[in-house]
Amino acid sequence: MITATMKHVMYTDESKKYLKKKISEGKKYQQAIRSIGRHLVRVIWKMIQNNRDYEIR
C-alpha cells in the first residue's frame, strides 16, 4: 500500500498538495505518506460500499 500511495502522490496533484500540507504541519515524509494511504483506504472502502468508480474532483 505504501508503494501504491507513493506512486499515487507522484501522479495526482491533489495528493501532492495533501503531502505538502502534512509536511508543513510538521509530519515527516513517511508519516505523511501513511496519512495519505489511510485516506486512500477510506476512499477505496467507500467506493466498494457504494459500487462507484474512482473520480478525481
PDB file of N, CA and C in Angstrom:
ATOM      1  N   MET A   1       0.828  -1.193   0.000  1.00  0.00           N
ATOM      2  CA  MET A   1       0.000   0.000   0.000  1.00  0.00           C
ATOM      3  C   MET A   1       0.869   1.252   0.000  1.00  0.00           C
ATOM      4  N   ILE A   2       1.989   1.210   0.716  1.00  0.00           N
ATOM      5  CA  ILE A   2       2.871   2.371   0.769  1.00  0.00           C
ATOM      6  C   ILE A   2       3.411   2.688  -0.621  1.00  0.00           C
ATOM      7  N   THR A   3       3.820   1.665  -1.369  1.00  0.00           N
ATOM      8  CA  THR A   3       4.331   1.880  -2.724  1.00  0.00           C
ATOM      9  C   THR A   3       3.245   2.458  -3.613  1.00  0.00           C
ATOM     10  N   ALA A   4       2.048   1.942  -3.515  1.00  0.00           N
ATOM     11  CA  ALA A   4       0.930   2.465  -4.310  1.00  0.00           C
ATOM     12  C   ALA A   4       0.644   3.914  -3.946  1.00  0.00           C
ATOM     13  N   THR A   5       0.730   4.231  -2.661  1.00  0.00           N
ATOM     14  CA  THR A   5       0.482   5.602  -2.209  1.00  0.00           C
ATOM     15  C   THR A   5       1.540   6.545  -2.753  1.00  0.00           C
ATOM     16  N   MET A   6       2.809   6.113  -2.714  1.00  0.00           N
ATOM     17  CA  MET A   6       3.884   6.962  -3.236  1.00  0.00           C
ATOM     18  C   MET A   6       3.708   7.205  -4.734  1.00  0.00           C
ATOM     19  N   LYS A   7       3.301   6.197  -5.468  1.00  0.00           N
ATOM     20  CA  LYS A   7       3.041   6.361  -6.912  1.00  0.00           C
ATOM     21  C   LYS A   7       1.854   7.287  -7.133  1.00  0.00           C
ATOM     22  N   HIS A   8       0.823   7.144  -6.322  1.00  0.00           N
ATOM     23  CA  HIS A   8      -0.361   7.995  -6.437  1.00  0.00           C
ATOM     24  C   HIS A   8       0.023   9.461  -6.233  1.00  0.00           C
ATOM     25  N   VAL A   9       0.889   9.722  -5.257  1.00  0.00           N
ATOM     26  CA  VAL A   9       1.346  11.088  -4.991  1.00  0.00           C
ATOM     27  C   VAL A   9       2.123  11.637  -6.181  1.00  0.00           C
ATOM     28  N   MET A  10       2.883  10.769  -6.849  1.00  0.00           N
ATOM     29  CA  MET A  10       3.683  11.228  -7.993  1.00  0.00           C
ATOM     30  C   MET A  10       2.803  11.728  -9.142  1.00  0.00           C
ATOM     31  N   TYR A  11       1.616  11.151  -9.306  1.00  0.00           N
ATOM     32  CA  TYR A  11       0.801  11.436 -10.480  1.00  0.00           C
ATOM     33  C   TYR A  11      -0.478  12.216 -10.204  1.00  0.00           C
ATOM     34  N   THR A  12      -0.788  12.504  -8.950  1.00  0.00           N
ATOM     35  CA  THR A  12      -2.042  13.169  -8.619  1.00  0.00           C
ATOM     36  C   THR A  12      -1.766  14.478  -7.886  1.00  0.00           C
ATOM     37  N   ASP A  13      -2.201  15.583  -8.483  1.00  0.00           N
ATOM     38  CA  ASP A  13      -1.941  16.898  -7.899  1.00  0.00           C
ATOM     39  C   ASP A  13      -2.562  17.061  -6.519  1.00  0.00           C
ATOM     40  N   GLU A  14      -3.765  16.540  -6.328  1.00  0.00           N
ATOM     41  CA  GLU A  14      -4.426  16.666  -5.029  1.00  0.00           C
ATOM     42  C   GLU A  14      -3.616  15.984  -3.925  1.00  0.00           C
ATOM     43  N   SER A  15      -3.038  14.834  -4.248  1.00  0.00           N
ATOM     44  CA  SER A  15      -2.235  14.126  -3.261  1.00  0.00           C
ATOM     45  C   SER A  15      -0.915  14.853  -2.998  1.00  0.00           C
ATOM     46  N   LYS A  16      -0.360  15.475  -4.024  1.00  0.00           N
ATOM     47  CA  LYS A  16       0.856  16.275  -3.826  1.00  0.00           C
ATOM     48  C   LYS A  16       0.577  17.428  -2.869  1.00  0.00           C
ATOM     49  N   LYS A  17      -0.559  18.084  -3.046  1.00  0.00           N
ATOM     50  CA  LYS A  17      -0.934  19.193  -2.161  1.00  0.00           C
ATOM     51  C   LYS A  17      -1.139  18.685  -0.736  1.00  0.00           C
ATOM     52  N   TYR A  18      -1.799  17.538  -0.587  1.00  0.00           N
ATOM     53  CA  TYR A  18      -2.048  16.958   0.726  1.00  0.00           C
ATOM     54  C   TYR A  18      -0.730  16.599   1.409  1.00  0.00           C
ATOM     55  N   LEU A  19       0.219  16.047   0.641  1.00  0.00           N
ATOM     56  CA  LEU A  19       1.530  15.695   1.175  1.00  0.00           C
ATOM     57  C   LEU A  19       2.250  16.948   1.676  1.00  0.00           C
ATOM     58  N   LYS A  20       2.260  17.998   0.876  1.00  0.00           N
ATOM     59  CA  LYS A  20       2.901  19.254   1.288  1.00  0.00           C
ATOM     60  C   LYS A  20       2.241  19.826   2.534  1.00  0.00           C
ATOM     61  N   LYS A  21       0.918  19.721   2.603  1.00  0.00           N
ATOM     62  CA  LYS A  21       0.183  20.222   3.775  1.00  0.00           C
ATOM     63  C   LYS A  21       0.603  19.469   5.029  1.00  0.00           C
ATOM     64  N   LYS A  22       0.655  18.145   4.936  1.00  0.00           N
ATOM     65  CA  LYS A  22       1.021  17.332   6.097  1.00  0.00           C
ATOM     66  C   LYS A  22       2.465  17.605   6.533  1.00  0.00           C
ATOM     67  N   ILE A  23       3.368  17.778   5.574  1.00  0.00           N
ATOM     68  CA  ILE A  23       4.758  18.068   5.908  1.00  0.00           C
ATOM     69  C   ILE A  23       4.870  19.452   6.545  1.00  0.00           C
ATOM     70  N   SER A  24       4.080  20.416   6.042  1.00  0.00           N
ATOM     71  CA  SER A  24       4.108  21.753   6.640  1.00  0.00           C
ATOM     72  C   SER A  24       3.523  21.750   8.058  1.00  0.00           C
ATOM     73  N   GLU A  25       2.683  20.762   8.371  1.00  0.00           N
ATOM     74  CA  GLU A  25       2.137  20.613   9.720  1.00  0.00           C
ATOM     75  C   GLU A  25       3.149  19.987  10.677  1.00  0.00           C
ATOM     76  N   GLY A  26       4.320  19.608  10.146  1.00  0.00           N
ATOM     77  CA  GLY A  26       5.373  19.069  10.995  1.00  0.00           C
ATOM     78  C   GLY A  26       5.552  17.569  10.904  1.00  0.00           C
ATOM     79  N   LYS A  27       4.811  16.906  10.025  1.00  0.00           N
ATOM     80  CA  LYS A  27       4.962  15.459   9.884  1.00  0.00           C
ATOM     81  C   LYS A  27       6.178  15.159   9.011  1.00  0.00           C
ATOM     82  N   LYS A  28       6.810  14.033   9.275  1.00  0.00           N
ATOM     83  CA  LYS A  28       7.911  13.575   8.430  1.00  0.00           C
ATOM     84  C   LYS A  28       7.306  12.958   7.176  1.00  0.00           C
ATOM     85  N   TYR A  29       8.153  12.769   6.144  1.00  0.00           N
ATOM     86  CA  TYR A  29       7.674  12.259   4.858  1.00  0.00           C
ATOM     87  C   TYR A  29       6.917  10.946   5.020  1.00  0.00           C
ATOM     88  N   GLN A  30       7.490   9.973   5.733  1.00  0.00           N
ATOM     89  CA  GLN A  30       6.840   8.666   5.885  1.00  0.00           C
ATOM     90  C   GLN A  30       5.515   8.775   6.638  1.00  0.00           C
ATOM     91  N   GLN A  31       5.444   9.666   7.623  1.00  0.00           N
ATOM     92  CA  GLN A  31       4.191   9.865   8.344  1.00  0.00           C
ATOM     93  C   GLN A  31       3.133  10.449   7.410  1.00  0.00           C
ATOM     94  N   ALA A  32       3.538  11.389   6.573  1.00  0.00           N
ATOM     95  CA  ALA A  32       2.597  11.998   5.623  1.00  0.00           C
ATOM     96  C   ALA A  32       2.117  10.971   4.604  1.00  0.00           C
ATOM     97  N   ILE A  33       3.023  10.115   4.127  1.00  0.00           N
ATOM     98  CA  ILE A  33       2.636   9.066   3.174  1.00  0.00           C
ATOM     99  C   ILE A  33       1.641   8.105   3.817  1.00  0.00           C
ATOM    100  N   ARG A  34       1.883   7.731   5.079  1.00  0.00           N
ATOM    101  CA  ARG A  34       0.935   6.845   5.774  1.00  0.00           C
ATOM    102  C   ARG A  34      -0.420   7.511   5.919  1.00  0.00           C
ATOM    103  N   SER A  35      -0.417   8.810   6.160  1.00  0.00           N
ATOM    104  CA  SER A  35      -1.672   9.547   6.287  1.00  0.00           C
ATOM    105  C   SER A  35      -2.450   9.518   4.967  1.00  0.00           C
ATOM    106  N   ILE A  36      -1.749   9.715   3.871  1.00  0.00           N
ATOM    107  CA  ILE A  36      -2.394   9.644   2.556  1.00  0.00           C
ATOM    108  C   ILE A  36      -2.902   8.227   2.302  1.00  0.00           C
ATOM    109  N   GLY A  37      -2.113   7.228   2.675  1.00  0.00           N
ATOM    110  CA  GLY A  37      -2.523   5.829   2.500  1.00  0.00           C
ATOM    111  C   GLY A  37      -3.800   5.521   3.250  1.00  0.00           C
ATOM    112  N   ARG A  38      -3.887   5.994   4.505  1.00  0.00           N
ATOM    113  CA  ARG A  38      -5.122   5.781   5.280  1.00  0.00           C
ATOM    114  C   ARG A  38      -6.303   6.455   4.603  1.00  0.00           C
ATOM    115  N   HIS A  39      -6.080   7.655   4.079  1.00  0.00           N
ATOM    116  CA  HIS A  39      -7.151   8.371   3.383  1.00  0.00           C
ATOM    117  C   HIS A  39      -7.599   7.583   2.144  1.00  0.00           C
ATOM    118  N   LEU A  40      -6.636   7.087   1.381  1.00  0.00           N
ATOM    119  CA  LEU A  40      -6.981   6.327   0.172  1.00  0.00           C
ATOM    120  C   LEU A  40      -7.732   5.038   0.513  1.00  0.00           C
ATOM    121  N   VAL A  41      -7.371   4.385   1.612  1.00  0.00           N
ATOM    122  CA  VAL A  41      -8.091   3.172   2.029  1.00  0.00           C
ATOM    123  C   VAL A  41      -9.543   3.510   2.332  1.00  0.00           C
ATOM    124  N   ARG A  42      -9.771   4.649   3.008  1.00  0.00           N
ATOM    125  CA  ARG A  42     -11.152   5.060   3.279  1.00  0.00           C
ATOM    126  C   ARG A  42     -11.907   5.343   1.977  1.00  0.00           C
ATOM    127  N   VAL A  43     -11.244   5.967   1.018  1.00  0.00           N
ATOM    128  CA  VAL A  43     -11.878   6.245  -0.276  1.00  0.00           C
ATOM    129  C   VAL A  43     -12.212   4.937  -0.992  1.00  0.00           C
ATOM    130  N   ILE A  44     -11.259   4.004  -1.010  1.00  0.00           N
ATOM    131  CA  ILE A  44     -11.486   2.712  -1.675  1.00  0.00           C
ATOM    132  C   ILE A  44     -12.634   1.965  -0.999  1.00  0.00           C
ATOM    133  N   TRP A  45     -12.687   1.985   0.331  1.00  0.00           N
ATOM    134  CA  TRP A  45     -13.767   1.311   1.053  1.00  0.00           C
ATOM    135  C   TRP A  45     -15.125   1.910   0.683  1.00  0.00           C
ATOM    136  N   LYS A  46     -15.205   3.238   0.619  1.00  0.00           N
ATOM    137  CA  LYS A  46     -16.467   3.888   0.229  1.00  0.00           C
ATOM    138  C   LYS A  46     -16.845   3.536  -1.206  1.00  0.00           C
ATOM    139  N   MET A  47     -15.844   3.437  -2.097  1.00  0.00           N
ATOM    140  CA  MET A  47     -16.118   3.057  -3.484  1.00  0.00           C
ATOM    141  C   MET A  47     -16.724   1.660  -3.539  1.00  0.00           C
ATOM    142  N   ILE A  48     -16.182   0.753  -2.740  1.00  0.00           N
ATOM    143  CA  ILE A  48     -16.691  -0.621  -2.715  1.00  0.00           C
ATOM    144  C   ILE A  48     -18.117  -0.642  -2.158  1.00  0.00           C
ATOM    145  N   GLN A  49     -18.332   0.084  -1.063  1.00  0.00           N
ATOM    146  CA  GLN A  49     -19.661   0.096  -0.450  1.00  0.00           C
ATOM    147  C   GLN A  49     -20.722   0.669  -1.381  1.00  0.00           C
ATOM    148  N   ASN A  50     -20.351   1.712  -2.131  1.00  0.00           N
ATOM    149  CA  ASN A  50     -21.317   2.405  -2.978  1.00  0.00           C
ATOM    150  C   ASN A  50     -21.262   1.974  -4.438  1.00  0.00           C
ATOM    151  N   ASN A  51     -20.399   0.981  -4.742  1.00  0.00           N
ATOM    152  CA  ASN A  51     -20.247   0.482  -6.113  1.00  0.00           C
ATOM    153  C   ASN A  51     -19.991   1.624  -7.108  1.00  0.00           C
ATOM    154  N   ARG A  52     -18.982   2.451  -6.797  1.00  0.00           N
ATOM    155  CA  ARG A  52     -18.655   3.611  -7.627  1.00  0.00           C
ATOM    156  C   ARG A  52     -17.229   3.515  -8.150  1.00  0.00           C
ATOM    157  N   ASP A  53     -16.961   4.205  -9.245  1.00  0.00           N
ATOM    158  CA  ASP A  53     -15.611   4.299  -9.784  1.00  0.00           C
ATOM    159  C   ASP A  53     -14.878   5.454  -9.132  1.00  0.00           C
ATOM    160  N   TYR A  54     -13.546   5.427  -9.229  1.00  0.00           N
ATOM    161  CA  TYR A  54     -12.730   6.491  -8.657  1.00  0.00           C
ATOM    162  C   TYR A  54     -12.824   7.737  -9.526  1.00  0.00           C
ATOM    163  N   GLU A  55     -13.057   8.867  -8.888  1.00  0.00           N
ATOM    164  CA  GLU A  55     -13.129  10.151  -9.606  1.00  0.00           C
ATOM    165  C   GLU A  55     -12.243  11.160  -8.898  1.00  0.00           C
ATOM    166  N   ILE A  56     -11.453  11.890  -9.666  1.00  0.00           N
ATOM    167  CA  ILE A  56     -10.701  12.994  -9.100  1.00  0.00           C
ATOM    168  C   ILE A  56     -11.538  14.242  -9.291  1.00  0.00           C
ATOM    169  N   ARG A  57     -11.829  14.899  -8.181  1.00  0.00           N
ATOM    170  CA  ARG A  57     -12.686  16.081  -8.265  1.00  0.00           C
ATOM    171  C   ARG A  57     -11.863  17.324  -8.343  1.00  0.00           C
TER     172      ARG A  57
END
